[in-house]
Amino acid sequence: MSRYDFIRFGGFVNWADEDTDTFRKMKVCLPVKEPVEDDTKIGLISTDEDNPEEIAVSYSVRAAELIPWTDSFQEGYWKALIVAEANGAGTDVLLPMLKDAGLCLMLRSDACKLFPVLCRLFPEVEEMFEIITWNDREYFVRELTLFRGTGGEYKTLVSVTGLQDVLVGKDGAPISDEAEAVDRKICYYFTDEEFLLPEERLVALAEDA
């Protein structure tokens, strides 16, 4: 399986539109050249019926700017996978479930327990992500190099807002000394959707923070 298996002619995707700084539901309007790589150009049209001026507008974007769009069935199937893992299902069961469903790369804050299975389906996942544990729960982290090529270049970790929510209280301060020690390692927290964006986009967001 490829991390870009979700990009299919006539199918729906989420596009990280830098101009509006939002994720937009789009439809793939041109046949997709295989194999799809980060820089493969994908033709898109808008599905926003509330903006009729967008209906005739097409966009050509990099595959790396797209993440999966999930319908209610896929969301339900994903929850079933999480429940199956929690009930003791092993890799031998979870791997066929993922393959049979045709689910694409879906790394969310509730998916850490499926990390070994996802690594087998998508080998690049193991190089992109790491796991950090807090109060017996696991969260995804990524290492980024910020301000590359300058005198201020440094490596840091970023994670998901789910981790921030348990480390930092409503007053904006870490809930304990232990939480502060973990929080200090994290430069920036992204939403689950943002966390799947290409590295250069994550770097830009973190540098602007």
N, C-alpha and C. Protein backbone atom coordinates (compact mmCIF):
# COMPACT_ATOMS: atom_id res chain seq x y z
N MET A 1 0.83 -1.20 0.00
CA MET A 1 0.00 0.00 0.00
C MET A 1 0.86 1.25 0.00
N SER A 2 0.34 2.30 -0.57
CA SER A 2 1.04 3.58 -0.60
C SER A 2 0.27 4.58 0.26
N ARG A 3 1.00 5.54 0.83
CA ARG A 3 0.32 6.55 1.65
C ARG A 3 -0.60 7.43 0.81
N TYR A 4 -0.46 7.34 -0.54
CA TYR A 4 -1.30 8.16 -1.41
C TYR A 4 -2.38 7.34 -2.12
N ASP A 5 -2.67 6.15 -1.61
CA ASP A 5 -3.72 5.33 -2.22
C ASP A 5 -5.08 6.01 -2.17
N PHE A 6 -5.26 6.98 -1.27
CA PHE A 6 -6.55 7.65 -1.15
C PHE A 6 -6.81 8.63 -2.29
N ILE A 7 -5.79 8.95 -3.09
CA ILE A 7 -5.96 9.91 -4.18
C ILE A 7 -6.39 9.14 -5.43
N ARG A 8 -7.67 9.25 -5.76
CA ARG A 8 -8.23 8.52 -6.90
C ARG A 8 -9.08 9.46 -7.75
N PHE A 9 -9.03 9.26 -9.05
CA PHE A 9 -9.82 10.07 -9.98
C PHE A 9 -11.30 9.99 -9.61
N GLY A 10 -11.92 11.16 -9.41
CA GLY A 10 -13.32 11.20 -9.04
C GLY A 10 -13.58 11.12 -7.55
N GLY A 11 -12.51 10.88 -6.75
CA GLY A 11 -12.67 10.77 -5.31
C GLY A 11 -12.49 12.09 -4.59
N PHE A 12 -12.78 12.09 -3.30
CA PHE A 12 -12.66 13.30 -2.49
C PHE A 12 -11.38 13.27 -1.65
N VAL A 13 -10.83 14.45 -1.42
CA VAL A 13 -9.63 14.61 -0.59
C VAL A 13 -9.77 15.89 0.22
N ASN A 14 -8.95 16.03 1.23
CA ASN A 14 -8.82 17.29 1.96
C ASN A 14 -7.54 17.99 1.50
N TRP A 15 -7.66 19.23 1.09
CA TRP A 15 -6.51 20.00 0.62
C TRP A 15 -6.15 21.06 1.65
N ALA A 16 -4.88 21.10 2.04
CA ALA A 16 -4.39 22.12 2.97
C ALA A 16 -4.11 23.39 2.16
N ASP A 17 -5.11 24.25 2.07
CA ASP A 17 -5.01 25.49 1.27
C ASP A 17 -4.27 26.55 2.08
N GLU A 18 -3.06 26.87 1.66
CA GLU A 18 -2.25 27.85 2.39
C GLU A 18 -2.84 29.26 2.30
N ASP A 19 -3.55 29.57 1.22
CA ASP A 19 -4.11 30.92 1.06
C ASP A 19 -5.18 31.22 2.11
N THR A 20 -5.98 30.19 2.44
CA THR A 20 -7.04 30.38 3.42
C THR A 20 -6.68 29.77 4.77
N ASP A 21 -5.55 29.04 4.82
CA ASP A 21 -5.09 28.38 6.04
C ASP A 21 -6.17 27.46 6.61
N THR A 22 -6.84 26.75 5.71
CA THR A 22 -7.88 25.80 6.11
C THR A 22 -7.76 24.53 5.28
N PHE A 23 -8.44 23.47 5.75
CA PHE A 23 -8.57 22.26 4.96
C PHE A 23 -9.87 22.35 4.17
N ARG A 24 -9.79 22.10 2.87
CA ARG A 24 -10.95 22.20 2.00
C ARG A 24 -11.25 20.85 1.37
N LYS A 25 -12.52 20.46 1.40
CA LYS A 25 -12.93 19.23 0.73
C LYS A 25 -12.94 19.48 -0.78
N MET A 26 -12.15 18.67 -1.51
CA MET A 26 -12.02 18.84 -2.95
C MET A 26 -12.26 17.50 -3.66
N LYS A 27 -12.50 17.58 -4.96
CA LYS A 27 -12.69 16.39 -5.78
C LYS A 27 -11.58 16.29 -6.81
N VAL A 28 -11.00 15.09 -6.96
CA VAL A 28 -9.94 14.87 -7.95
C VAL A 28 -10.59 14.84 -9.33
N CYS A 29 -10.21 15.80 -10.18
CA CYS A 29 -10.92 15.99 -11.45
C CYS A 29 -10.18 15.48 -12.68
N LEU A 30 -8.96 14.97 -12.49
CA LEU A 30 -8.19 14.45 -13.61
C LEU A 30 -7.61 13.08 -13.25
N PRO A 31 -7.40 12.21 -14.25
CA PRO A 31 -6.77 10.92 -13.96
C PRO A 31 -5.43 11.13 -13.24
N VAL A 32 -5.13 10.23 -12.33
CA VAL A 32 -3.93 10.35 -11.49
C VAL A 32 -2.81 9.49 -12.06
N LYS A 33 -1.66 10.12 -12.30
CA LYS A 33 -0.51 9.40 -12.84
C LYS A 33 0.16 8.57 -11.74
N GLU A 34 0.34 7.29 -12.00
CA GLU A 34 0.99 6.39 -11.04
C GLU A 34 2.47 6.21 -11.39
N PRO A 35 3.33 5.98 -10.37
CA PRO A 35 3.03 6.01 -8.95
C PRO A 35 2.96 7.45 -8.44
N VAL A 36 2.13 7.67 -7.44
CA VAL A 36 1.98 9.01 -6.88
C VAL A 36 3.07 9.25 -5.84
N GLU A 37 3.81 10.35 -6.02
CA GLU A 37 4.86 10.74 -5.09
C GLU A 37 4.56 12.12 -4.53
N ASP A 38 5.38 12.60 -3.62
CA ASP A 38 5.11 13.88 -2.96
C ASP A 38 4.85 15.01 -3.94
N ASP A 39 5.64 15.08 -5.02
CA ASP A 39 5.55 16.21 -5.95
C ASP A 39 4.62 15.95 -7.14
N THR A 40 3.94 14.81 -7.17
CA THR A 40 3.00 14.53 -8.25
C THR A 40 1.88 15.57 -8.25
N LYS A 41 1.59 16.15 -9.40
CA LYS A 41 0.54 17.15 -9.50
C LYS A 41 -0.83 16.47 -9.59
N ILE A 42 -1.76 16.97 -8.78
CA ILE A 42 -3.11 16.42 -8.73
C ILE A 42 -4.10 17.53 -9.09
N GLY A 43 -4.98 17.27 -10.04
CA GLY A 43 -5.99 18.24 -10.44
C GLY A 43 -7.21 18.17 -9.54
N LEU A 44 -7.62 19.31 -9.01
CA LEU A 44 -8.74 19.36 -8.07
C LEU A 44 -9.79 20.39 -8.49
N ILE A 45 -11.03 20.14 -8.10
CA ILE A 45 -12.08 21.14 -8.20
C ILE A 45 -12.78 21.21 -6.85
N SER A 46 -13.38 22.38 -6.58
CA SER A 46 -14.02 22.59 -5.29
C SER A 46 -15.36 21.85 -5.20
N THR A 47 -15.74 21.49 -3.96
CA THR A 47 -17.06 20.91 -3.73
C THR A 47 -17.91 21.86 -2.89
N ASP A 48 -17.49 23.10 -2.78
CA ASP A 48 -18.16 24.08 -1.94
C ASP A 48 -19.35 24.69 -2.68
N GLU A 49 -20.55 24.17 -2.42
CA GLU A 49 -21.75 24.65 -3.10
C GLU A 49 -22.16 26.03 -2.61
N ASP A 50 -21.63 26.45 -1.47
CA ASP A 50 -21.98 27.77 -0.93
C ASP A 50 -21.22 28.89 -1.64
N ASN A 51 -20.20 28.50 -2.43
CA ASN A 51 -19.43 29.49 -3.19
C ASN A 51 -19.48 29.13 -4.67
N PRO A 52 -20.57 29.48 -5.36
CA PRO A 52 -20.75 29.08 -6.77
C PRO A 52 -19.63 29.57 -7.68
N GLU A 53 -18.96 30.67 -7.29
CA GLU A 53 -17.87 31.16 -8.14
C GLU A 53 -16.70 30.19 -8.17
N GLU A 54 -16.67 29.24 -7.24
CA GLU A 54 -15.58 28.26 -7.18
C GLU A 54 -15.84 27.03 -8.03
N ILE A 55 -17.09 26.85 -8.48
CA ILE A 55 -17.47 25.61 -9.16
C ILE A 55 -16.65 25.38 -10.42
N ALA A 56 -16.36 26.42 -11.18
CA ALA A 56 -15.64 26.28 -12.45
C ALA A 56 -14.13 26.42 -12.28
N VAL A 57 -13.66 26.57 -11.06
CA VAL A 57 -12.23 26.79 -10.81
C VAL A 57 -11.54 25.47 -10.52
N SER A 58 -10.43 25.23 -11.20
CA SER A 58 -9.65 24.02 -10.94
C SER A 58 -8.29 24.41 -10.35
N TYR A 59 -7.70 23.49 -9.61
CA TYR A 59 -6.42 23.72 -8.97
C TYR A 59 -5.48 22.55 -9.28
N SER A 60 -4.21 22.86 -9.42
CA SER A 60 -3.19 21.84 -9.58
C SER A 60 -2.27 21.92 -8.36
N VAL A 61 -2.28 20.88 -7.53
CA VAL A 61 -1.53 20.91 -6.27
C VAL A 61 -0.65 19.67 -6.15
N ARG A 62 0.31 19.73 -5.24
CA ARG A 62 1.18 18.59 -4.98
C ARG A 62 0.43 17.56 -4.14
N ALA A 63 0.73 16.30 -4.38
CA ALA A 63 0.10 15.22 -3.60
C ALA A 63 0.37 15.40 -2.12
N ALA A 64 1.55 15.94 -1.77
CA ALA A 64 1.93 16.11 -0.37
C ALA A 64 1.06 17.13 0.34
N GLU A 65 0.28 17.92 -0.41
CA GLU A 65 -0.61 18.91 0.20
C GLU A 65 -1.97 18.31 0.55
N LEU A 66 -2.17 17.04 0.26
CA LEU A 66 -3.46 16.40 0.45
C LEU A 66 -3.44 15.40 1.59
N ILE A 67 -4.56 15.32 2.29
CA ILE A 67 -4.75 14.29 3.30
C ILE A 67 -6.10 13.65 3.04
N PRO A 68 -6.36 12.49 3.63
CA PRO A 68 -7.61 11.79 3.34
C PRO A 68 -8.85 12.56 3.78
N TRP A 69 -9.91 12.41 3.00
CA TRP A 69 -11.23 12.82 3.43
C TRP A 69 -11.98 11.56 3.79
N THR A 70 -12.54 11.51 4.99
CA THR A 70 -13.19 10.29 5.46
C THR A 70 -14.70 10.50 5.57
N ASP A 71 -15.45 9.53 5.07
CA ASP A 71 -16.90 9.59 5.20
C ASP A 71 -17.31 8.87 6.49
N SER A 72 -18.61 8.83 6.75
CA SER A 72 -19.10 8.26 8.01
C SER A 72 -18.78 6.77 8.12
N PHE A 73 -18.77 6.04 6.98
CA PHE A 73 -18.44 4.61 7.02
C PHE A 73 -16.99 4.42 7.46
N GLN A 74 -16.08 5.18 6.86
CA GLN A 74 -14.67 5.04 7.21
C GLN A 74 -14.40 5.42 8.66
N GLU A 75 -15.08 6.46 9.13
CA GLU A 75 -14.94 6.86 10.53
C GLU A 75 -15.39 5.72 11.44
N GLY A 76 -16.51 5.09 11.09
CA GLY A 76 -17.02 3.99 11.89
C GLY A 76 -16.10 2.79 11.87
N TYR A 77 -15.54 2.49 10.68
CA TYR A 77 -14.63 1.36 10.57
C TYR A 77 -13.36 1.62 11.37
N TRP A 78 -12.88 2.87 11.33
CA TRP A 78 -11.69 3.23 12.09
C TRP A 78 -11.93 3.03 13.59
N LYS A 79 -13.09 3.44 14.08
CA LYS A 79 -13.42 3.25 15.49
C LYS A 79 -13.47 1.76 15.83
N ALA A 80 -13.96 0.95 14.88
CA ALA A 80 -14.01 -0.49 15.10
C ALA A 80 -12.60 -1.07 15.25
N LEU A 81 -11.67 -0.55 14.47
CA LEU A 81 -10.27 -0.99 14.59
C LEU A 81 -9.70 -0.66 15.96
N ILE A 82 -10.01 0.54 16.46
CA ILE A 82 -9.52 0.95 17.77
C ILE A 82 -10.09 0.04 18.85
N VAL A 83 -11.38 -0.26 18.73
CA VAL A 83 -12.02 -1.15 19.71
C VAL A 83 -11.42 -2.55 19.63
N ALA A 84 -11.18 -3.04 18.42
CA ALA A 84 -10.60 -4.37 18.26
C ALA A 84 -9.23 -4.46 18.92
N GLU A 85 -8.42 -3.41 18.74
CA GLU A 85 -7.09 -3.41 19.37
C GLU A 85 -7.23 -3.38 20.89
N ALA A 86 -8.16 -2.57 21.40
CA ALA A 86 -8.36 -2.46 22.85
C ALA A 86 -8.83 -3.78 23.45
N ASN A 87 -9.53 -4.60 22.64
CA ASN A 87 -10.02 -5.89 23.12
C ASN A 87 -9.02 -7.02 22.92
N GLY A 88 -7.80 -6.65 22.50
CA GLY A 88 -6.74 -7.65 22.44
C GLY A 88 -6.41 -8.20 21.07
N ALA A 89 -7.01 -7.66 20.01
CA ALA A 89 -6.69 -8.14 18.66
C ALA A 89 -5.23 -7.86 18.34
N GLY A 90 -4.55 -8.84 17.77
CA GLY A 90 -3.14 -8.68 17.43
C GLY A 90 -2.93 -8.20 16.01
N THR A 91 -1.65 -8.06 15.64
CA THR A 91 -1.30 -7.59 14.29
C THR A 91 -1.87 -8.51 13.22
N ASP A 92 -1.93 -9.82 13.50
CA ASP A 92 -2.43 -10.77 12.52
C ASP A 92 -3.90 -10.53 12.18
N VAL A 93 -4.64 -9.91 13.09
CA VAL A 93 -6.04 -9.58 12.85
C VAL A 93 -6.19 -8.16 12.29
N LEU A 94 -5.46 -7.22 12.88
CA LEU A 94 -5.61 -5.81 12.50
C LEU A 94 -5.10 -5.52 11.09
N LEU A 95 -4.01 -6.20 10.71
CA LEU A 95 -3.43 -5.95 9.38
C LEU A 95 -4.42 -6.30 8.27
N PRO A 96 -5.05 -7.48 8.29
CA PRO A 96 -6.06 -7.77 7.25
C PRO A 96 -7.25 -6.83 7.29
N MET A 97 -7.65 -6.39 8.50
CA MET A 97 -8.77 -5.45 8.60
C MET A 97 -8.46 -4.15 7.87
N LEU A 98 -7.24 -3.64 8.06
CA LEU A 98 -6.84 -2.41 7.39
C LEU A 98 -6.76 -2.60 5.88
N LYS A 99 -6.18 -3.73 5.46
CA LYS A 99 -6.03 -3.98 4.03
C LYS A 99 -7.38 -4.15 3.35
N ASP A 100 -8.27 -4.93 3.98
CA ASP A 100 -9.57 -5.21 3.37
C ASP A 100 -10.42 -3.96 3.25
N ALA A 101 -10.27 -3.06 4.23
CA ALA A 101 -11.07 -1.83 4.20
C ALA A 101 -10.54 -0.83 3.19
N GLY A 102 -9.26 -0.99 2.80
CA GLY A 102 -8.67 -0.03 1.87
C GLY A 102 -8.45 1.32 2.51
N LEU A 103 -8.38 1.35 3.84
CA LEU A 103 -8.19 2.63 4.52
C LEU A 103 -6.80 3.17 4.25
N CYS A 104 -6.71 4.46 4.07
CA CYS A 104 -5.45 5.12 3.81
C CYS A 104 -4.77 5.47 5.13
N LEU A 105 -3.66 6.13 5.02
CA LEU A 105 -2.90 6.52 6.21
C LEU A 105 -3.72 7.46 7.08
N MET A 106 -4.04 7.01 8.30
CA MET A 106 -4.87 7.79 9.21
C MET A 106 -4.19 7.83 10.57
N LEU A 107 -3.28 8.75 10.75
CA LEU A 107 -2.56 8.86 12.02
C LEU A 107 -3.21 9.95 12.86
N ARG A 108 -3.96 9.51 13.84
CA ARG A 108 -4.62 10.44 14.73
C ARG A 108 -4.21 10.12 16.15
N SER A 109 -4.58 11.01 17.07
CA SER A 109 -4.10 10.84 18.44
C SER A 109 -4.62 9.58 19.11
N ASP A 110 -5.67 8.94 18.51
CA ASP A 110 -6.18 7.71 19.09
C ASP A 110 -5.62 6.47 18.40
N ALA A 111 -4.60 6.65 17.54
CA ALA A 111 -4.14 5.56 16.70
C ALA A 111 -2.78 4.99 17.10
N CYS A 112 -2.21 5.45 18.20
CA CYS A 112 -0.85 5.02 18.54
C CYS A 112 -0.73 3.52 18.75
N LYS A 113 -1.78 2.90 19.28
CA LYS A 113 -1.74 1.47 19.51
C LYS A 113 -1.65 0.68 18.20
N LEU A 114 -2.06 1.33 17.10
CA LEU A 114 -1.99 0.68 15.79
C LEU A 114 -0.68 0.98 15.07
N PHE A 115 0.23 1.67 15.75
CA PHE A 115 1.48 2.11 15.12
C PHE A 115 2.26 0.95 14.46
N PRO A 116 2.45 -0.20 15.14
CA PRO A 116 3.19 -1.30 14.50
C PRO A 116 2.52 -1.80 13.22
N VAL A 117 1.19 -1.82 13.21
CA VAL A 117 0.47 -2.27 12.01
C VAL A 117 0.63 -1.26 10.88
N LEU A 118 0.49 0.03 11.22
CA LEU A 118 0.64 1.08 10.21
C LEU A 118 2.05 1.09 9.63
N CYS A 119 3.04 0.78 10.45
CA CYS A 119 4.43 0.74 9.96
C CYS A 119 4.61 -0.36 8.93
N ARG A 120 3.89 -1.47 9.08
CA ARG A 120 3.99 -2.55 8.12
C ARG A 120 3.30 -2.20 6.81
N LEU A 121 2.19 -1.46 6.91
CA LEU A 121 1.47 -1.04 5.70
C LEU A 121 2.19 0.10 5.00
N PHE A 122 2.71 1.03 5.80
CA PHE A 122 3.36 2.23 5.27
C PHE A 122 4.75 2.34 5.90
N PRO A 123 5.79 1.75 5.31
CA PRO A 123 7.13 1.74 5.92
C PRO A 123 7.66 3.13 6.25
N GLU A 124 7.24 4.15 5.51
CA GLU A 124 7.76 5.50 5.77
C GLU A 124 7.28 6.06 7.09
N VAL A 125 6.23 5.49 7.65
CA VAL A 125 5.67 6.00 8.91
C VAL A 125 6.69 5.92 10.04
N GLU A 126 7.43 4.81 10.08
CA GLU A 126 8.39 4.61 11.16
C GLU A 126 9.48 5.67 11.15
N GLU A 127 9.83 6.18 9.96
CA GLU A 127 10.85 7.21 9.86
C GLU A 127 10.29 8.59 10.17
N MET A 128 9.00 8.80 9.94
CA MET A 128 8.40 10.12 10.12
C MET A 128 8.00 10.41 11.56
N PHE A 129 7.57 9.37 12.28
CA PHE A 129 6.96 9.60 13.58
C PHE A 129 7.66 8.84 14.70
N GLU A 130 7.51 9.38 15.90
CA GLU A 130 7.95 8.70 17.11
C GLU A 130 6.76 8.69 18.07
N ILE A 131 6.93 7.99 19.19
CA ILE A 131 5.87 7.88 20.18
C ILE A 131 6.39 8.40 21.52
N ILE A 132 5.55 9.20 22.21
CA ILE A 132 5.87 9.65 23.55
C ILE A 132 4.71 9.20 24.45
N THR A 133 5.04 8.75 25.67
CA THR A 133 4.03 8.21 26.59
C THR A 133 3.83 9.14 27.77
N TRP A 134 2.55 9.41 28.08
CA TRP A 134 2.20 10.21 29.25
C TRP A 134 1.00 9.58 29.93
N ASN A 135 1.16 9.25 31.22
CA ASN A 135 0.08 8.61 31.99
C ASN A 135 -0.48 7.38 31.27
N ASP A 136 0.45 6.55 30.80
CA ASP A 136 0.10 5.27 30.16
C ASP A 136 -0.63 5.43 28.82
N ARG A 137 -0.65 6.63 28.28
CA ARG A 137 -1.23 6.83 26.95
C ARG A 137 -0.15 7.34 26.01
N GLU A 138 -0.21 6.89 24.75
CA GLU A 138 0.83 7.23 23.78
C GLU A 138 0.35 8.32 22.82
N TYR A 139 1.31 9.18 22.43
CA TYR A 139 1.02 10.28 21.51
C TYR A 139 2.11 10.35 20.45
N PHE A 140 1.72 10.78 19.25
CA PHE A 140 2.68 10.91 18.16
C PHE A 140 3.52 12.18 18.32
N VAL A 141 4.82 12.08 17.99
CA VAL A 141 5.69 13.25 17.90
C VAL A 141 6.50 13.14 16.62
N ARG A 142 6.95 14.30 16.11
CA ARG A 142 7.83 14.35 14.94
C ARG A 142 8.99 15.28 15.24
N GLU A 143 10.16 14.93 14.72
CA GLU A 143 11.32 15.81 14.85
C GLU A 143 11.42 16.68 13.62
N LEU A 144 11.57 18.00 13.84
CA LEU A 144 11.71 18.96 12.75
C LEU A 144 12.99 19.76 12.93
N THR A 145 13.55 20.21 11.82
CA THR A 145 14.67 21.13 11.85
C THR A 145 14.16 22.51 11.49
N LEU A 146 14.25 23.45 12.42
CA LEU A 146 13.75 24.80 12.20
C LEU A 146 14.88 25.75 11.82
N PHE A 147 14.54 26.74 11.01
CA PHE A 147 15.48 27.77 10.55
C PHE A 147 16.74 27.15 9.94
N ARG A 148 16.49 26.13 9.13
CA ARG A 148 17.59 25.41 8.48
C ARG A 148 18.45 26.35 7.65
N GLY A 149 19.77 26.18 7.74
CA GLY A 149 20.70 26.97 6.95
C GLY A 149 21.02 28.33 7.53
N THR A 150 20.53 28.61 8.72
CA THR A 150 20.81 29.89 9.38
C THR A 150 21.60 29.65 10.66
N GLY A 151 22.04 30.72 11.26
CA GLY A 151 22.78 30.59 12.52
C GLY A 151 21.91 30.11 13.66
N GLY A 152 20.59 30.21 13.48
CA GLY A 152 19.67 29.79 14.54
C GLY A 152 19.08 28.41 14.31
N GLU A 153 19.68 27.62 13.40
CA GLU A 153 19.15 26.29 13.09
C GLU A 153 19.18 25.39 14.33
N TYR A 154 18.07 24.66 14.54
CA TYR A 154 18.04 23.68 15.63
C TYR A 154 16.95 22.64 15.37
N LYS A 155 17.12 21.49 16.01
CA LYS A 155 16.14 20.41 15.91
C LYS A 155 15.22 20.45 17.13
N THR A 156 13.96 20.15 16.90
CA THR A 156 13.00 20.16 18.00
C THR A 156 11.91 19.15 17.72
N LEU A 157 11.07 18.92 18.73
CA LEU A 157 9.96 17.99 18.58
C LEU A 157 8.65 18.76 18.51
N VAL A 158 7.71 18.23 17.72
CA VAL A 158 6.35 18.75 17.70
C VAL A 158 5.41 17.58 17.94
N SER A 159 4.22 17.89 18.44
CA SER A 159 3.28 16.82 18.74
C SER A 159 1.86 17.29 18.45
N VAL A 160 0.89 16.53 18.95
CA VAL A 160 -0.53 16.81 18.69
C VAL A 160 -1.16 17.53 19.87
N THR A 161 -2.24 18.25 19.61
CA THR A 161 -2.90 19.02 20.66
C THR A 161 -3.47 18.13 21.75
N GLY A 162 -3.71 16.86 21.42
CA GLY A 162 -4.19 15.93 22.44
C GLY A 162 -3.20 15.79 23.58
N LEU A 163 -1.91 15.82 23.29
CA LEU A 163 -0.88 15.77 24.33
C LEU A 163 -0.86 17.08 25.11
N GLN A 164 -0.95 18.19 24.41
CA GLN A 164 -0.97 19.49 25.08
C GLN A 164 -2.13 19.59 26.08
N ASP A 165 -3.28 19.03 25.71
CA ASP A 165 -4.46 19.12 26.56
C ASP A 165 -4.27 18.43 27.91
N VAL A 166 -3.44 17.38 27.94
CA VAL A 166 -3.24 16.66 29.20
C VAL A 166 -2.02 17.17 29.97
N LEU A 167 -1.15 17.91 29.31
CA LEU A 167 0.04 18.45 29.98
C LEU A 167 -0.20 19.83 30.57
N VAL A 168 -1.04 20.61 29.90
CA VAL A 168 -1.21 22.02 30.27
C VAL A 168 -2.64 22.26 30.77
N GLY A 169 -2.76 22.97 31.89
CA GLY A 169 -4.07 23.28 32.46
C GLY A 169 -4.75 24.43 31.76
N LYS A 170 -5.97 24.74 32.22
CA LYS A 170 -6.75 25.81 31.59
C LYS A 170 -6.10 27.17 31.78
N ASP A 171 -5.22 27.28 32.80
CA ASP A 171 -4.54 28.55 33.04
C ASP A 171 -3.31 28.73 32.17
N GLY A 172 -3.03 27.73 31.31
CA GLY A 172 -1.89 27.82 30.40
C GLY A 172 -0.59 27.35 30.99
N ALA A 173 -0.60 26.86 32.23
CA ALA A 173 0.62 26.37 32.89
C ALA A 173 0.59 24.85 32.97
N PRO A 174 1.76 24.20 32.89
CA PRO A 174 1.82 22.74 33.05
C PRO A 174 1.20 22.31 34.37
N ILE A 175 0.56 21.15 34.39
CA ILE A 175 -0.17 20.70 35.57
C ILE A 175 0.75 20.17 36.67
N SER A 176 2.01 19.89 36.34
CA SER A 176 2.96 19.38 37.32
C SER A 176 4.37 19.59 36.81
N ASP A 177 5.37 19.34 37.67
CA ASP A 177 6.77 19.44 37.25
C ASP A 177 7.07 18.42 36.17
N GLU A 178 6.50 17.23 36.32
CA GLU A 178 6.72 16.19 35.31
C GLU A 178 6.13 16.59 33.96
N ALA A 179 4.93 17.18 34.01
CA ALA A 179 4.30 17.64 32.77
C ALA A 179 5.11 18.76 32.13
N GLU A 180 5.66 19.64 32.95
CA GLU A 180 6.48 20.73 32.43
C GLU A 180 7.73 20.20 31.72
N ALA A 181 8.33 19.13 32.29
CA ALA A 181 9.53 18.55 31.69
C ALA A 181 9.23 18.00 30.30
N VAL A 182 8.04 17.39 30.13
CA VAL A 182 7.65 16.87 28.81
C VAL A 182 7.30 18.02 27.87
N ASP A 183 6.56 18.99 28.39
CA ASP A 183 6.11 20.13 27.57
C ASP A 183 7.29 20.92 27.03
N ARG A 184 8.37 21.02 27.79
CA ARG A 184 9.55 21.77 27.35
C ARG A 184 10.21 21.14 26.13
N LYS A 185 10.00 19.84 25.94
CA LYS A 185 10.59 19.15 24.79
C LYS A 185 9.83 19.44 23.50
N ILE A 186 8.58 19.90 23.64
CA ILE A 186 7.71 20.10 22.48
C ILE A 186 7.68 21.58 22.10
N CYS A 187 8.05 21.86 20.86
CA CYS A 187 8.09 23.24 20.39
C CYS A 187 6.71 23.74 19.99
N TYR A 188 5.90 22.85 19.42
CA TYR A 188 4.62 23.28 18.85
C TYR A 188 3.67 22.09 18.83
N TYR A 189 2.38 22.37 19.02
CA TYR A 189 1.35 21.33 18.98
C TYR A 189 0.42 21.57 17.78
N PHE A 190 0.20 20.50 17.01
CA PHE A 190 -0.66 20.58 15.82
C PHE A 190 -1.94 19.78 16.05
N THR A 191 -2.99 20.13 15.29
CA THR A 191 -4.18 19.30 15.28
C THR A 191 -3.85 17.98 14.59
N ASP A 192 -4.73 16.99 14.74
CA ASP A 192 -4.49 15.70 14.08
C ASP A 192 -4.37 15.87 12.57
N GLU A 193 -5.19 16.74 11.98
CA GLU A 193 -5.14 16.95 10.53
C GLU A 193 -3.84 17.62 10.11
N GLU A 194 -3.44 18.66 10.84
CA GLU A 194 -2.21 19.37 10.50
C GLU A 194 -0.99 18.46 10.61
N PHE A 195 -1.03 17.52 11.54
CA PHE A 195 0.12 16.67 11.81
C PHE A 195 0.51 15.81 10.60
N LEU A 196 -0.42 15.61 9.67
CA LEU A 196 -0.15 14.81 8.48
C LEU A 196 0.35 15.64 7.30
N LEU A 197 0.45 16.95 7.49
CA LEU A 197 0.93 17.82 6.42
C LEU A 197 2.39 17.53 6.12
N PRO A 198 2.86 17.90 4.91
CA PRO A 198 4.27 17.70 4.58
C PRO A 198 5.18 18.47 5.54
N GLU A 199 6.39 17.97 5.69
CA GLU A 199 7.32 18.52 6.67
C GLU A 199 7.57 20.01 6.48
N GLU A 200 7.70 20.45 5.22
CA GLU A 200 7.99 21.87 4.98
C GLU A 200 6.86 22.77 5.48
N ARG A 201 5.62 22.27 5.40
CA ARG A 201 4.48 23.06 5.89
C ARG A 201 4.49 23.12 7.43
N LEU A 202 4.80 22.00 8.07
CA LEU A 202 4.88 21.98 9.53
C LEU A 202 6.00 22.91 10.00
N VAL A 203 7.12 22.89 9.30
CA VAL A 203 8.24 23.77 9.68
C VAL A 203 7.82 25.23 9.60
N ALA A 204 7.12 25.59 8.52
CA ALA A 204 6.69 26.99 8.35
C ALA A 204 5.75 27.41 9.48
N LEU A 205 4.83 26.54 9.84
CA LEU A 205 3.88 26.86 10.92
C LEU A 205 4.61 27.01 12.26
N ALA A 206 5.56 26.11 12.53
CA ALA A 206 6.29 26.16 13.79
C ALA A 206 7.19 27.39 13.87
N GLU A 207 7.80 27.75 12.75
CA GLU A 207 8.69 28.92 12.74
C GLU A 207 7.91 30.22 12.92
N ASP A 208 6.65 30.22 12.47
CA ASP A 208 5.84 31.43 12.59
C ASP A 208 5.18 31.56 13.96
N ALA A 209 5.25 30.50 14.76
CA ALA A 209 4.55 30.52 16.05
C ALA A 209 5.21 31.50 17.00
